[in-house]
Amino acid sequence: MCSMIALPETVALPLRMDDHGAIRVSGTRVTLDTLVGYYHQGETPEDLHEGFPTVPLADIYAVIAYYLAHQPEVDAYMAQRAKEGERIRLEWESQHPTLTKAELQARRDAKQRSE
């Protein structure tokens, strides 16, 4: 006699969008972008779990499976996030120009002279 196992009707996807539009995994600070990025670099789900132990291994497998089933959509989301990140970086840099080592040293010297 074969016993049957009860299968759940649905499995909840462990992804949630935060207030800033980032998709996070399993209620952690780990983003979908992060897991997929490392997956593209050849990391296995087990490697990812070792690096991000707050994310359950089963959830990492679910995220990778979701990515493989929805690759165009996830890739578009990640491209948009990268584009937005670049826009924010350029905006920040334009408002906060970087100083050279010589400029920093000159500021330090001027401060020391005034003290």
PDB file of N, CA and C in Angstrom:
ATOM      1  N   MET A   1       0.840  -1.178   0.000  1.00  0.00           N
ATOM      2  CA  MET A   1       0.000   0.000   0.000  1.00  0.00           C
ATOM      3  C   MET A   1       0.886   1.242   0.000  1.00  0.00           C
ATOM      4  N   CYS A   2       0.600   2.164  -0.853  1.00  0.00           N
ATOM      5  CA  CYS A   2       1.376   3.398  -0.982  1.00  0.00           C
ATOM      6  C   CYS A   2       0.705   4.497  -0.182  1.00  0.00           C
ATOM      7  N   SER A   3       1.488   5.131   0.686  1.00  0.00           N
ATOM      8  CA  SER A   3       0.899   6.234   1.439  1.00  0.00           C
ATOM      9  C   SER A   3       1.116   7.529   0.674  1.00  0.00           C
ATOM     10  N   MET A   4       0.145   8.374   0.723  1.00  0.00           N
ATOM     11  CA  MET A   4       0.206   9.649   0.016  1.00  0.00           C
ATOM     12  C   MET A   4       0.678  10.730   0.986  1.00  0.00           C
ATOM     13  N   ILE A   5       1.449  11.645   0.467  1.00  0.00           N
ATOM     14  CA  ILE A   5       1.821  12.802   1.279  1.00  0.00           C
ATOM     15  C   ILE A   5       0.935  13.959   0.872  1.00  0.00           C
ATOM     16  N   ALA A   6       0.640  14.788   1.822  1.00  0.00           N
ATOM     17  CA  ALA A   6      -0.196  15.949   1.540  1.00  0.00           C
ATOM     18  C   ALA A   6       0.687  17.047   0.964  1.00  0.00           C
ATOM     19  N   LEU A   7       0.325  17.525  -0.198  1.00  0.00           N
ATOM     20  CA  LEU A   7       1.073  18.596  -0.823  1.00  0.00           C
ATOM     21  C   LEU A   7       0.369  19.922  -0.573  1.00  0.00           C
ATOM     22  N   PRO A   8       1.139  20.944  -0.247  1.00  0.00           N
ATOM     23  CA  PRO A   8       0.494  22.249  -0.059  1.00  0.00           C
ATOM     24  C   PRO A   8      -0.018  22.754  -1.406  1.00  0.00           C
ATOM     25  N   GLU A   9      -1.105  23.512  -1.342  1.00  0.00           N
ATOM     26  CA  GLU A   9      -1.653  24.045  -2.581  1.00  0.00           C
ATOM     27  C   GLU A   9      -0.708  25.071  -3.189  1.00  0.00           C
ATOM     28  N   THR A  10      -0.107  25.886  -2.348  1.00  0.00           N
ATOM     29  CA  THR A  10       0.835  26.892  -2.831  1.00  0.00           C
ATOM     30  C   THR A  10       1.998  26.983  -1.853  1.00  0.00           C
ATOM     31  N   VAL A  11       3.099  27.439  -2.372  1.00  0.00           N
ATOM     32  CA  VAL A  11       4.260  27.683  -1.543  1.00  0.00           C
ATOM     33  C   VAL A  11       4.502  29.187  -1.585  1.00  0.00           C
ATOM     34  N   ALA A  12       4.602  29.803  -0.425  1.00  0.00           N
ATOM     35  CA  ALA A  12       4.804  31.251  -0.376  1.00  0.00           C
ATOM     36  C   ALA A  12       6.211  31.604  -0.850  1.00  0.00           C
ATOM     37  N   LEU A  13       6.297  32.550  -1.740  1.00  0.00           N
ATOM     38  CA  LEU A  13       7.586  33.025  -2.227  1.00  0.00           C
ATOM     39  C   LEU A  13       8.199  33.922  -1.147  1.00  0.00           C
ATOM     40  N   PRO A  14       9.448  33.668  -0.760  1.00  0.00           N
ATOM     41  CA  PRO A  14      10.048  34.409   0.346  1.00  0.00           C
ATOM     42  C   PRO A  14      10.624  35.768  -0.077  1.00  0.00           C
ATOM     43  N   LEU A  15       9.889  36.495  -0.921  1.00  0.00           N
ATOM     44  CA  LEU A  15      10.350  37.791  -1.399  1.00  0.00           C
ATOM     45  C   LEU A  15       9.340  38.865  -1.041  1.00  0.00           C
ATOM     46  N   ARG A  16       9.858  39.995  -0.574  1.00  0.00           N
ATOM     47  CA  ARG A  16       9.008  41.140  -0.240  1.00  0.00           C
ATOM     48  C   ARG A  16       9.709  42.411  -0.684  1.00  0.00           C
ATOM     49  N   MET A  17       8.918  43.352  -1.226  1.00  0.00           N
ATOM     50  CA  MET A  17       9.482  44.639  -1.617  1.00  0.00           C
ATOM     51  C   MET A  17       9.437  45.571  -0.413  1.00  0.00           C
ATOM     52  N   ASP A  18      10.566  46.254  -0.147  1.00  0.00           N
ATOM     53  CA  ASP A  18      10.600  47.197   0.971  1.00  0.00           C
ATOM     54  C   ASP A  18      10.113  48.573   0.520  1.00  0.00           C
ATOM     55  N   ASP A  19      10.139  49.530   1.427  1.00  0.00           N
ATOM     56  CA  ASP A  19       9.636  50.871   1.142  1.00  0.00           C
ATOM     57  C   ASP A  19      10.454  51.617   0.093  1.00  0.00           C
ATOM     58  N   HIS A  20      11.659  51.138  -0.196  1.00  0.00           N
ATOM     59  CA  HIS A  20      12.533  51.801  -1.156  1.00  0.00           C
ATOM     60  C   HIS A  20      12.564  51.086  -2.504  1.00  0.00           C
ATOM     61  N   GLY A  21      11.737  50.062  -2.661  1.00  0.00           N
ATOM     62  CA  GLY A  21      11.668  49.347  -3.929  1.00  0.00           C
ATOM     63  C   GLY A  21      12.640  48.195  -4.068  1.00  0.00           C
ATOM     64  N   ALA A  22      13.375  47.885  -3.006  1.00  0.00           N
ATOM     65  CA  ALA A  22      14.302  46.747  -3.039  1.00  0.00           C
ATOM     66  C   ALA A  22      13.546  45.487  -2.651  1.00  0.00           C
ATOM     67  N   ILE A  23      13.787  44.408  -3.383  1.00  0.00           N
ATOM     68  CA  ILE A  23      13.161  43.130  -3.042  1.00  0.00           C
ATOM     69  C   ILE A  23      14.100  42.405  -2.093  1.00  0.00           C
ATOM     70  N   ARG A  24      13.594  42.103  -0.913  1.00  0.00           N
ATOM     71  CA  ARG A  24      14.376  41.453   0.137  1.00  0.00           C
ATOM     72  C   ARG A  24      13.888  40.012   0.307  1.00  0.00           C
ATOM     73  N   VAL A  25      14.789  39.178   0.840  1.00  0.00           N
ATOM     74  CA  VAL A  25      14.532  37.741   0.946  1.00  0.00           C
ATOM     75  C   VAL A  25      14.286  37.344   2.396  1.00  0.00           C
ATOM     76  N   SER A  26      13.226  36.608   2.616  1.00  0.00           N
ATOM     77  CA  SER A  26      12.928  35.968   3.908  1.00  0.00           C
ATOM     78  C   SER A  26      12.878  36.943   5.080  1.00  0.00           C
ATOM     79  N   GLY A  27      12.439  38.163   4.834  1.00  0.00           N
ATOM     80  CA  GLY A  27      12.351  39.136   5.922  1.00  0.00           C
ATOM     81  C   GLY A  27      13.707  39.602   6.427  1.00  0.00           C
ATOM     82  N   THR A  28      14.765  39.390   5.640  1.00  0.00           N
ATOM     83  CA  THR A  28      16.112  39.794   6.032  1.00  0.00           C
ATOM     84  C   THR A  28      16.492  41.051   5.254  1.00  0.00           C
ATOM     85  N   ARG A  29      17.692  41.525   5.449  1.00  0.00           N
ATOM     86  CA  ARG A  29      18.210  42.663   4.690  1.00  0.00           C
ATOM     87  C   ARG A  29      18.857  42.205   3.379  1.00  0.00           C
ATOM     88  N   VAL A  30      18.935  40.905   3.152  1.00  0.00           N
ATOM     89  CA  VAL A  30      19.538  40.357   1.933  1.00  0.00           C
ATOM     90  C   VAL A  30      18.585  40.607   0.766  1.00  0.00           C
ATOM     91  N   THR A  31      19.136  41.160  -0.315  1.00  0.00           N
ATOM     92  CA  THR A  31      18.289  41.482  -1.462  1.00  0.00           C
ATOM     93  C   THR A  31      18.313  40.381  -2.518  1.00  0.00           C
ATOM     94  N   LEU A  32      17.276  40.387  -3.321  1.00  0.00           N
ATOM     95  CA  LEU A  32      17.205  39.494  -4.472  1.00  0.00           C
ATOM     96  C   LEU A  32      18.409  39.732  -5.369  1.00  0.00           C
ATOM     97  N   ASP A  33      18.767  40.998  -5.572  1.00  0.00           N
ATOM     98  CA  ASP A  33      19.912  41.358  -6.417  1.00  0.00           C
ATOM     99  C   ASP A  33      21.186  40.661  -5.933  1.00  0.00           C
ATOM    100  N   THR A  34      21.371  40.644  -4.623  1.00  0.00           N
ATOM    101  CA  THR A  34      22.576  40.063  -4.039  1.00  0.00           C
ATOM    102  C   THR A  34      22.647  38.563  -4.326  1.00  0.00           C
ATOM    103  N   LEU A  35      21.565  37.850  -4.031  1.00  0.00           N
ATOM    104  CA  LEU A  35      21.579  36.399  -4.243  1.00  0.00           C
ATOM    105  C   LEU A  35      21.750  36.052  -5.717  1.00  0.00           C
ATOM    106  N   VAL A  36      21.028  36.740  -6.595  1.00  0.00           N
ATOM    107  CA  VAL A  36      21.130  36.444  -8.020  1.00  0.00           C
ATOM    108  C   VAL A  36      22.520  36.814  -8.532  1.00  0.00           C
ATOM    109  N   GLY A  37      23.063  37.914  -8.058  1.00  0.00           N
ATOM    110  CA  GLY A  37      24.411  38.309  -8.474  1.00  0.00           C
ATOM    111  C   GLY A  37      25.448  37.256  -8.133  1.00  0.00           C
ATOM    112  N   TYR A  38      25.402  36.767  -6.896  1.00  0.00           N
ATOM    113  CA  TYR A  38      26.349  35.713  -6.507  1.00  0.00           C
ATOM    114  C   TYR A  38      26.065  34.406  -7.233  1.00  0.00           C
ATOM    115  N   TYR A  39      24.794  34.125  -7.485  1.00  0.00           N
ATOM    116  CA  TYR A  39      24.437  32.927  -8.250  1.00  0.00           C
ATOM    117  C   TYR A  39      25.075  33.002  -9.644  1.00  0.00           C
ATOM    118  N   HIS A  40      25.024  34.176 -10.269  1.00  0.00           N
ATOM    119  CA  HIS A  40      25.658  34.370 -11.584  1.00  0.00           C
ATOM    120  C   HIS A  40      27.168  34.179 -11.526  1.00  0.00           C
ATOM    121  N   GLN A  41      27.756  34.405 -10.366  1.00  0.00           N
ATOM    122  CA  GLN A  41      29.203  34.220 -10.206  1.00  0.00           C
ATOM    123  C   GLN A  41      29.566  32.766  -9.919  1.00  0.00           C
ATOM    124  N   GLY A  42      28.577  31.885  -9.911  1.00  0.00           N
ATOM    125  CA  GLY A  42      28.840  30.463  -9.741  1.00  0.00           C
ATOM    126  C   GLY A  42      28.625  29.932  -8.334  1.00  0.00           C
ATOM    127  N   GLU A  43      28.110  30.776  -7.439  1.00  0.00           N
ATOM    128  CA  GLU A  43      27.847  30.308  -6.071  1.00  0.00           C
ATOM    129  C   GLU A  43      26.663  29.345  -6.082  1.00  0.00           C
ATOM    130  N   THR A  44      26.765  28.289  -5.312  1.00  0.00           N
ATOM    131  CA  THR A  44      25.660  27.342  -5.164  1.00  0.00           C
ATOM    132  C   THR A  44      24.719  27.844  -4.078  1.00  0.00           C
ATOM    133  N   PRO A  45      23.501  27.309  -4.020  1.00  0.00           N
ATOM    134  CA  PRO A  45      22.618  27.682  -2.915  1.00  0.00           C
ATOM    135  C   PRO A  45      23.263  27.420  -1.549  1.00  0.00           C
ATOM    136  N   GLU A  46      24.014  26.342  -1.439  1.00  0.00           N
ATOM    137  CA  GLU A  46      24.686  26.045  -0.170  1.00  0.00           C
ATOM    138  C   GLU A  46      25.736  27.110   0.152  1.00  0.00           C
ATOM    139  N   ASP A  47      26.493  27.538  -0.864  1.00  0.00           N
ATOM    140  CA  ASP A  47      27.469  28.615  -0.676  1.00  0.00           C
ATOM    141  C   ASP A  47      26.759  29.893  -0.215  1.00  0.00           C
ATOM    142  N   LEU A  48      25.635  30.193  -0.859  1.00  0.00           N
ATOM    143  CA  LEU A  48      24.890  31.397  -0.506  1.00  0.00           C
ATOM    144  C   LEU A  48      24.384  31.322   0.931  1.00  0.00           C
ATOM    145  N   HIS A  49      23.914  30.145   1.318  1.00  0.00           N
ATOM    146  CA  HIS A  49      23.429  29.973   2.692  1.00  0.00           C
ATOM    147  C   HIS A  49      24.569  30.143   3.693  1.00  0.00           C
ATOM    148  N   GLU A  50      25.746  29.661   3.341  1.00  0.00           N
ATOM    149  CA  GLU A  50      26.900  29.833   4.219  1.00  0.00           C
ATOM    150  C   GLU A  50      27.247  31.311   4.349  1.00  0.00           C
ATOM    151  N   GLY A  51      27.157  32.053   3.256  1.00  0.00           N
ATOM    152  CA  GLY A  51      27.469  33.479   3.283  1.00  0.00           C
ATOM    153  C   GLY A  51      26.363  34.326   3.885  1.00  0.00           C
ATOM    154  N   PHE A  52      25.134  33.846   3.803  1.00  0.00           N
ATOM    155  CA  PHE A  52      23.974  34.565   4.324  1.00  0.00           C
ATOM    156  C   PHE A  52      23.149  33.615   5.191  1.00  0.00           C
ATOM    157  N   PRO A  53      23.670  33.255   6.357  1.00  0.00           N
ATOM    158  CA  PRO A  53      23.002  32.240   7.182  1.00  0.00           C
ATOM    159  C   PRO A  53      21.628  32.657   7.711  1.00  0.00           C
ATOM    160  N   THR A  54      21.293  33.946   7.636  1.00  0.00           N
ATOM    161  CA  THR A  54      19.958  34.377   8.082  1.00  0.00           C
ATOM    162  C   THR A  54      18.880  33.983   7.084  1.00  0.00           C
ATOM    163  N   VAL A  55      19.291  33.629   5.859  1.00  0.00           N
ATOM    164  CA  VAL A  55      18.326  33.207   4.841  1.00  0.00           C
ATOM    165  C   VAL A  55      18.276  31.683   4.833  1.00  0.00           C
ATOM    166  N   PRO A  56      17.111  31.108   5.118  1.00  0.00           N
ATOM    167  CA  PRO A  56      17.006  29.647   5.109  1.00  0.00           C
ATOM    168  C   PRO A  56      17.378  29.064   3.741  1.00  0.00           C
ATOM    169  N   LEU A  57      18.046  27.929   3.759  1.00  0.00           N
ATOM    170  CA  LEU A  57      18.480  27.280   2.527  1.00  0.00           C
ATOM    171  C   LEU A  57      17.305  27.019   1.590  1.00  0.00           C
ATOM    172  N   ALA A  58      16.190  26.570   2.129  1.00  0.00           N
ATOM    173  CA  ALA A  58      15.008  26.308   1.289  1.00  0.00           C
ATOM    174  C   ALA A  58      14.551  27.584   0.592  1.00  0.00           C
ATOM    175  N   ASP A  59      14.665  28.725   1.260  1.00  0.00           N
ATOM    176  CA  ASP A  59      14.273  29.993   0.649  1.00  0.00           C
ATOM    177  C   ASP A  59      15.244  30.389  -0.458  1.00  0.00           C
ATOM    178  N   ILE A  60      16.516  30.087  -0.279  1.00  0.00           N
ATOM    179  CA  ILE A  60      17.496  30.381  -1.333  1.00  0.00           C
ATOM    180  C   ILE A  60      17.165  29.561  -2.578  1.00  0.00           C
ATOM    181  N   TYR A  61      16.856  28.282  -2.389  1.00  0.00           N
ATOM    182  CA  TYR A  61      16.453  27.454  -3.528  1.00  0.00           C
ATOM    183  C   TYR A  61      15.195  28.022  -4.186  1.00  0.00           C
ATOM    184  N   ALA A  62      14.229  28.475  -3.379  1.00  0.00           N
ATOM    185  CA  ALA A  62      12.993  29.042  -3.925  1.00  0.00           C
ATOM    186  C   ALA A  62      13.279  30.305  -4.730  1.00  0.00           C
ATOM    187  N   VAL A  63      14.185  31.137  -4.245  1.00  0.00           N
ATOM    188  CA  VAL A  63      14.539  32.372  -4.943  1.00  0.00           C
ATOM    189  C   VAL A  63      15.230  32.054  -6.270  1.00  0.00           C
ATOM    190  N   ILE A  64      16.162  31.117  -6.256  1.00  0.00           N
ATOM    191  CA  ILE A  64      16.852  30.742  -7.492  1.00  0.00           C
ATOM    192  C   ILE A  64      15.853  30.133  -8.488  1.00  0.00           C
ATOM    193  N   ALA A  65      14.955  29.294  -8.010  1.00  0.00           N
ATOM    194  CA  ALA A  65      13.937  28.700  -8.890  1.00  0.00           C
ATOM    195  C   ALA A  65      13.051  29.794  -9.475  1.00  0.00           C
ATOM    196  N   TYR A  66      12.655  30.753  -8.646  1.00  0.00           N
ATOM    197  CA  TYR A  66      11.847  31.870  -9.134  1.00  0.00           C
ATOM    198  C   TYR A  66      12.619  32.646 -10.197  1.00  0.00           C
ATOM    199  N   TYR A  67      13.891  32.911  -9.926  1.00  0.00           N
ATOM    200  CA  TYR A  67      14.712  33.644 -10.892  1.00  0.00           C
ATOM    201  C   TYR A  67      14.773  32.893 -12.224  1.00  0.00           C
ATOM    202  N   LEU A  68      15.032  31.598 -12.175  1.00  0.00           N
ATOM    203  CA  LEU A  68      15.143  30.816 -13.411  1.00  0.00           C
ATOM    204  C   LEU A  68      13.826  30.787 -14.185  1.00  0.00           C
ATOM    205  N   ALA A  69      12.700  30.806 -13.476  1.00  0.00           N
ATOM    206  CA  ALA A  69      11.390  30.781 -14.129  1.00  0.00           C
ATOM    207  C   ALA A  69      10.962  32.159 -14.628  1.00  0.00           C
ATOM    208  N   HIS A  70      11.548  33.225 -14.077  1.00  0.00           N
ATOM    209  CA  HIS A  70      11.152  34.599 -14.420  1.00  0.00           C
ATOM    210  C   HIS A  70      12.368  35.465 -14.754  1.00  0.00           C
ATOM    211  N   GLN A  71      13.338  34.869 -15.414  1.00  0.00           N
ATOM    212  CA  GLN A  71      14.613  35.547 -15.653  1.00  0.00           C
ATOM    213  C   GLN A  71      14.466  36.896 -16.364  1.00  0.00           C
ATOM    214  N   PRO A  72      13.687  37.009 -17.433  1.00  0.00           N
ATOM    215  CA  PRO A  72      13.604  38.325 -18.095  1.00  0.00           C
ATOM    216  C   PRO A  72      13.084  39.425 -17.164  1.00  0.00           C
ATOM    217  N   GLU A  73      12.064  39.105 -16.368  1.00  0.00           N
ATOM    218  CA  GLU A  73      11.492  40.097 -15.463  1.00  0.00           C
ATOM    219  C   GLU A  73      12.478  40.476 -14.355  1.00  0.00           C
ATOM    220  N   VAL A  74      13.140  39.468 -13.790  1.00  0.00           N
ATOM    221  CA  VAL A  74      14.098  39.742 -12.718  1.00  0.00           C
ATOM    222  C   VAL A  74      15.295  40.511 -13.265  1.00  0.00           C
ATOM    223  N   ASP A  75      15.770  40.136 -14.453  1.00  0.00           N
ATOM    224  CA  ASP A  75      16.889  40.857 -15.059  1.00  0.00           C
ATOM    225  C   ASP A  75      16.510  42.315 -15.330  1.00  0.00           C
ATOM    226  N   ALA A  76      15.283  42.554 -15.773  1.00  0.00           N
ATOM    227  CA  ALA A  76      14.821  43.928 -16.015  1.00  0.00           C
ATOM    228  C   ALA A  76      14.762  44.703 -14.697  1.00  0.00           C
ATOM    229  N   TYR A  77      14.261  44.076 -13.649  1.00  0.00           N
ATOM    230  CA  TYR A  77      14.223  44.708 -12.318  1.00  0.00           C
ATOM    231  C   TYR A  77      15.633  45.058 -11.866  1.00  0.00           C
ATOM    232  N   MET A  78      16.560  44.114 -12.019  1.00  0.00           N
ATOM    233  CA  MET A  78      17.937  44.354 -11.576  1.00  0.00           C
ATOM    234  C   MET A  78      18.609  45.444 -12.407  1.00  0.00           C
ATOM    235  N   ALA A  79      18.329  45.487 -13.705  1.00  0.00           N
ATOM    236  CA  ALA A  79      18.892  46.538 -14.554  1.00  0.00           C
ATOM    237  C   ALA A  79      18.358  47.904 -14.135  1.00  0.00           C
ATOM    238  N   GLN A  80      17.071  47.962 -13.825  1.00  0.00           N
ATOM    239  CA  GLN A  80      16.479  49.227 -13.373  1.00  0.00           C
ATOM    240  C   GLN A  80      17.089  49.656 -12.047  1.00  0.00           C
ATOM    241  N   ARG A  81      17.299  48.709 -11.129  1.00  0.00           N
ATOM    242  CA  ARG A  81      17.919  49.031  -9.836  1.00  0.00           C
ATOM    243  C   ARG A  81      19.349  49.528 -10.037  1.00  0.00           C
ATOM    244  N   ALA A  82      20.084  48.912 -10.951  1.00  0.00           N
ATOM    245  CA  ALA A  82      21.459  49.346 -11.221  1.00  0.00           C
ATOM    246  C   ALA A  82      21.458  50.756 -11.816  1.00  0.00           C
ATOM    247  N   LYS A  83      20.528  51.010 -12.717  1.00  0.00           N
ATOM    248  CA  LYS A  83      20.411  52.334 -13.334  1.00  0.00           C
ATOM    249  C   LYS A  83      20.086  53.383 -12.272  1.00  0.00           C
ATOM    250  N   GLU A  84      19.162  53.077 -11.394  1.00  0.00           N
ATOM    251  CA  GLU A  84      18.791  54.006 -10.320  1.00  0.00           C
ATOM    252  C   GLU A  84      19.957  54.219  -9.366  1.00  0.00           C
ATOM    253  N   GLY A  85      20.682  53.154  -9.059  1.00  0.00           N
ATOM    254  CA  GLY A  85      21.847  53.270  -8.190  1.00  0.00           C
ATOM    255  C   GLY A  85      22.913  54.163  -8.801  1.00  0.00           C
ATOM    256  N   GLU A  86      23.119  54.035 -10.095  1.00  0.00           N
ATOM    257  CA  GLU A  86      24.094  54.881 -10.800  1.00  0.00           C
ATOM    258  C   GLU A  86      23.643  56.338 -10.783  1.00  0.00           C
ATOM    259  N   ARG A  87      22.337  56.577 -10.988  1.00  0.00           N
ATOM    260  CA  ARG A  87      21.807  57.943 -10.939  1.00  0.00           C
ATOM    261  C   ARG A  87      22.028  58.560  -9.570  1.00  0.00           C
ATOM    262  N   ILE A  88      21.771  57.806  -8.519  1.00  0.00           N
ATOM    263  CA  ILE A  88      21.958  58.305  -7.155  1.00  0.00           C
ATOM    264  C   ILE A  88      23.436  58.572  -6.883  1.00  0.00           C
ATOM    265  N   ARG A  89      24.311  57.666  -7.353  1.00  0.00           N
ATOM    266  CA  ARG A  89      25.747  57.864  -7.157  1.00  0.00           C
ATOM    267  C   ARG A  89      26.222  59.137  -7.833  1.00  0.00           C
ATOM    268  N   LEU A  90      25.803  59.363  -9.084  1.00  0.00           N
ATOM    269  CA  LEU A  90      26.219  60.557  -9.812  1.00  0.00           C
ATOM    270  C   LEU A  90      25.686  61.824  -9.143  1.00  0.00           C
ATOM    271  N   GLU A  91      24.449  61.766  -8.672  1.00  0.00           N
ATOM    272  CA  GLU A  91      23.864  62.911  -7.964  1.00  0.00           C
ATOM    273  C   GLU A  91      24.657  63.216  -6.699  1.00  0.00           C
ATOM    274  N   TRP A  92      24.985  62.182  -5.938  1.00  0.00           N
ATOM    275  CA  TRP A  92      25.760  62.354  -4.706  1.00  0.00           C
ATOM    276  C   TRP A  92      27.127  62.958  -5.004  1.00  0.00           C
ATOM    277  N   GLU A  93      27.791  62.395  -6.009  1.00  0.00           N
ATOM    278  CA  GLU A  93      29.130  62.883  -6.357  1.00  0.00           C
ATOM    279  C   GLU A  93      29.102  64.325  -6.831  1.00  0.00           C
ATOM    280  N   SER A  94      28.031  64.732  -7.524  1.00  0.00           N
ATOM    281  CA  SER A  94      27.954  66.119  -7.986  1.00  0.00           C
ATOM    282  C   SER A  94      27.725  67.067  -6.817  1.00  0.00           C
ATOM    283  N   GLN A  95      27.047  66.604  -5.786  1.00  0.00           N
ATOM    284  CA  GLN A  95      26.789  67.431  -4.606  1.00  0.00           C
ATOM    285  C   GLN A  95      27.909  67.364  -3.588  1.00  0.00           C
ATOM    286  N   HIS A  96      28.724  66.328  -3.650  1.00  0.00           N
ATOM    287  CA  HIS A  96      29.812  66.111  -2.707  1.00  0.00           C
ATOM    288  C   HIS A  96      31.077  65.746  -3.474  1.00  0.00           C
ATOM    289  N   PRO A  97      31.706  66.750  -4.088  1.00  0.00           N
ATOM    290  CA  PRO A  97      32.896  66.434  -4.893  1.00  0.00           C
ATOM    291  C   PRO A  97      33.989  65.808  -4.035  1.00  0.00           C
ATOM    292  N   THR A  98      34.688  64.882  -4.644  1.00  0.00           N
ATOM    293  CA  THR A  98      35.771  64.232  -3.923  1.00  0.00           C
ATOM    294  C   THR A  98      36.998  65.137  -3.910  1.00  0.00           C
ATOM    295  N   LEU A  99      37.753  65.046  -2.854  1.00  0.00           N
ATOM    296  CA  LEU A  99      38.971  65.837  -2.707  1.00  0.00           C
ATOM    297  C   LEU A  99      40.178  64.954  -2.967  1.00  0.00           C
ATOM    298  N   THR A 100      41.203  65.544  -3.517  1.00  0.00           N
ATOM    299  CA  THR A 100      42.437  64.798  -3.716  1.00  0.00           C
ATOM    300  C   THR A 100      43.167  64.700  -2.385  1.00  0.00           C
ATOM    301  N   LYS A 101      44.126  63.823  -2.334  1.00  0.00           N
ATOM    302  CA  LYS A 101      44.943  63.684  -1.124  1.00  0.00           C
ATOM    303  C   LYS A 101      45.639  65.003  -0.796  1.00  0.00           C
ATOM    304  N   ALA A 102      46.125  65.694  -1.809  1.00  0.00           N
ATOM    305  CA  ALA A 102      46.798  66.988  -1.593  1.00  0.00           C
ATOM    306  C   ALA A 102      45.833  68.021  -1.003  1.00  0.00           C
ATOM    307  N   GLU A 103      44.580  68.033  -1.502  1.00  0.00           N
ATOM    308  CA  GLU A 103      43.585  68.975  -0.972  1.00  0.00           C
ATOM    309  C   GLU A 103      43.263  68.660   0.485  1.00  0.00           C
ATOM    310  N   LEU A 104      43.116  67.393   0.808  1.00  0.00           N
ATOM    311  CA  LEU A 104      42.861  67.006   2.194  1.00  0.00           C
ATOM    312  C   LEU A 104      44.026  67.400   3.092  1.00  0.00           C
ATOM    313  N   GLN A 105      45.246  67.182   2.632  1.00  0.00           N
ATOM    314  CA  GLN A 105      46.429  67.550   3.407  1.00  0.00           C
ATOM    315  C   GLN A 105      46.486  69.064   3.608  1.00  0.00           C
ATOM    316  N   ALA A 106      46.158  69.823   2.582  1.00  0.00           N
ATOM    317  CA  ALA A 106      46.165  71.289   2.690  1.00  0.00           C
ATOM    318  C   ALA A 106      45.129  71.744   3.711  1.00  0.00           C
ATOM    319  N   ARG A 107      43.957  71.138   3.710  1.00  0.00           N
ATOM    320  CA  ARG A 107      42.931  71.483   4.712  1.00  0.00           C
ATOM    321  C   ARG A 107      43.426  71.154   6.116  1.00  0.00           C
ATOM    322  N   ARG A 108      44.048  69.997   6.275  1.00  0.00           N
ATOM    323  CA  ARG A 108      44.567  69.585   7.581  1.00  0.00           C
ATOM    324  C   ARG A 108      45.641  70.568   8.053  1.00  0.00           C
ATOM    325  N   ASP A 109      46.547  70.934   7.144  1.00  0.00           N
ATOM    326  CA  ASP A 109      47.618  71.876   7.486  1.00  0.00           C
ATOM    327  C   ASP A 109      47.039  73.234   7.881  1.00  0.00           C
ATOM    328  N   ALA A 110      46.049  73.706   7.127  1.00  0.00           N
ATOM    329  CA  ALA A 110      45.437  75.002   7.432  1.00  0.00           C
ATOM    330  C   ALA A 110      44.731  74.966   8.791  1.00  0.00           C
ATOM    331  N   LYS A 111      44.085  73.874   9.097  1.00  0.00           N
ATOM    332  CA  LYS A 111      43.394  73.740  10.394  1.00  0.00           C
ATOM    333  C   LYS A 111      44.421  73.750  11.526  1.00  0.00           C
ATOM    334  N   GLN A 112      45.500  73.024  11.354  1.00  0.00           N
ATOM    335  CA  GLN A 112      46.545  72.961  12.400  1.00  0.00           C
ATOM    336  C   GLN A 112      47.175  74.331  12.618  1.00  0.00           C
ATOM    337  N   ARG A 113      47.376  75.106  11.560  1.00  0.00           N
ATOM    338  CA  ARG A 113      47.956  76.449  11.690  1.00  0.00           C
ATOM    339  C   ARG A 113      47.024  77.389  12.429  1.00  0.00           C
ATOM    340  N   SER A 114      45.694  77.179  12.259  1.00  0.00           N
ATOM    341  CA  SER A 114      44.745  78.088  12.896  1.00  0.00           C
ATOM    342  C   SER A 114      44.496  77.747  14.371  1.00  0.00           C
ATOM    343  N   GLU A 115      44.935  76.605  14.791  1.00  0.00           N
ATOM    344  CA  GLU A 115      44.703  76.191  16.190  1.00  0.00           C
ATOM    345  C   GLU A 115      45.717  76.731  17.119  1.00  0.00           C
TER     346      GLU A 115
END
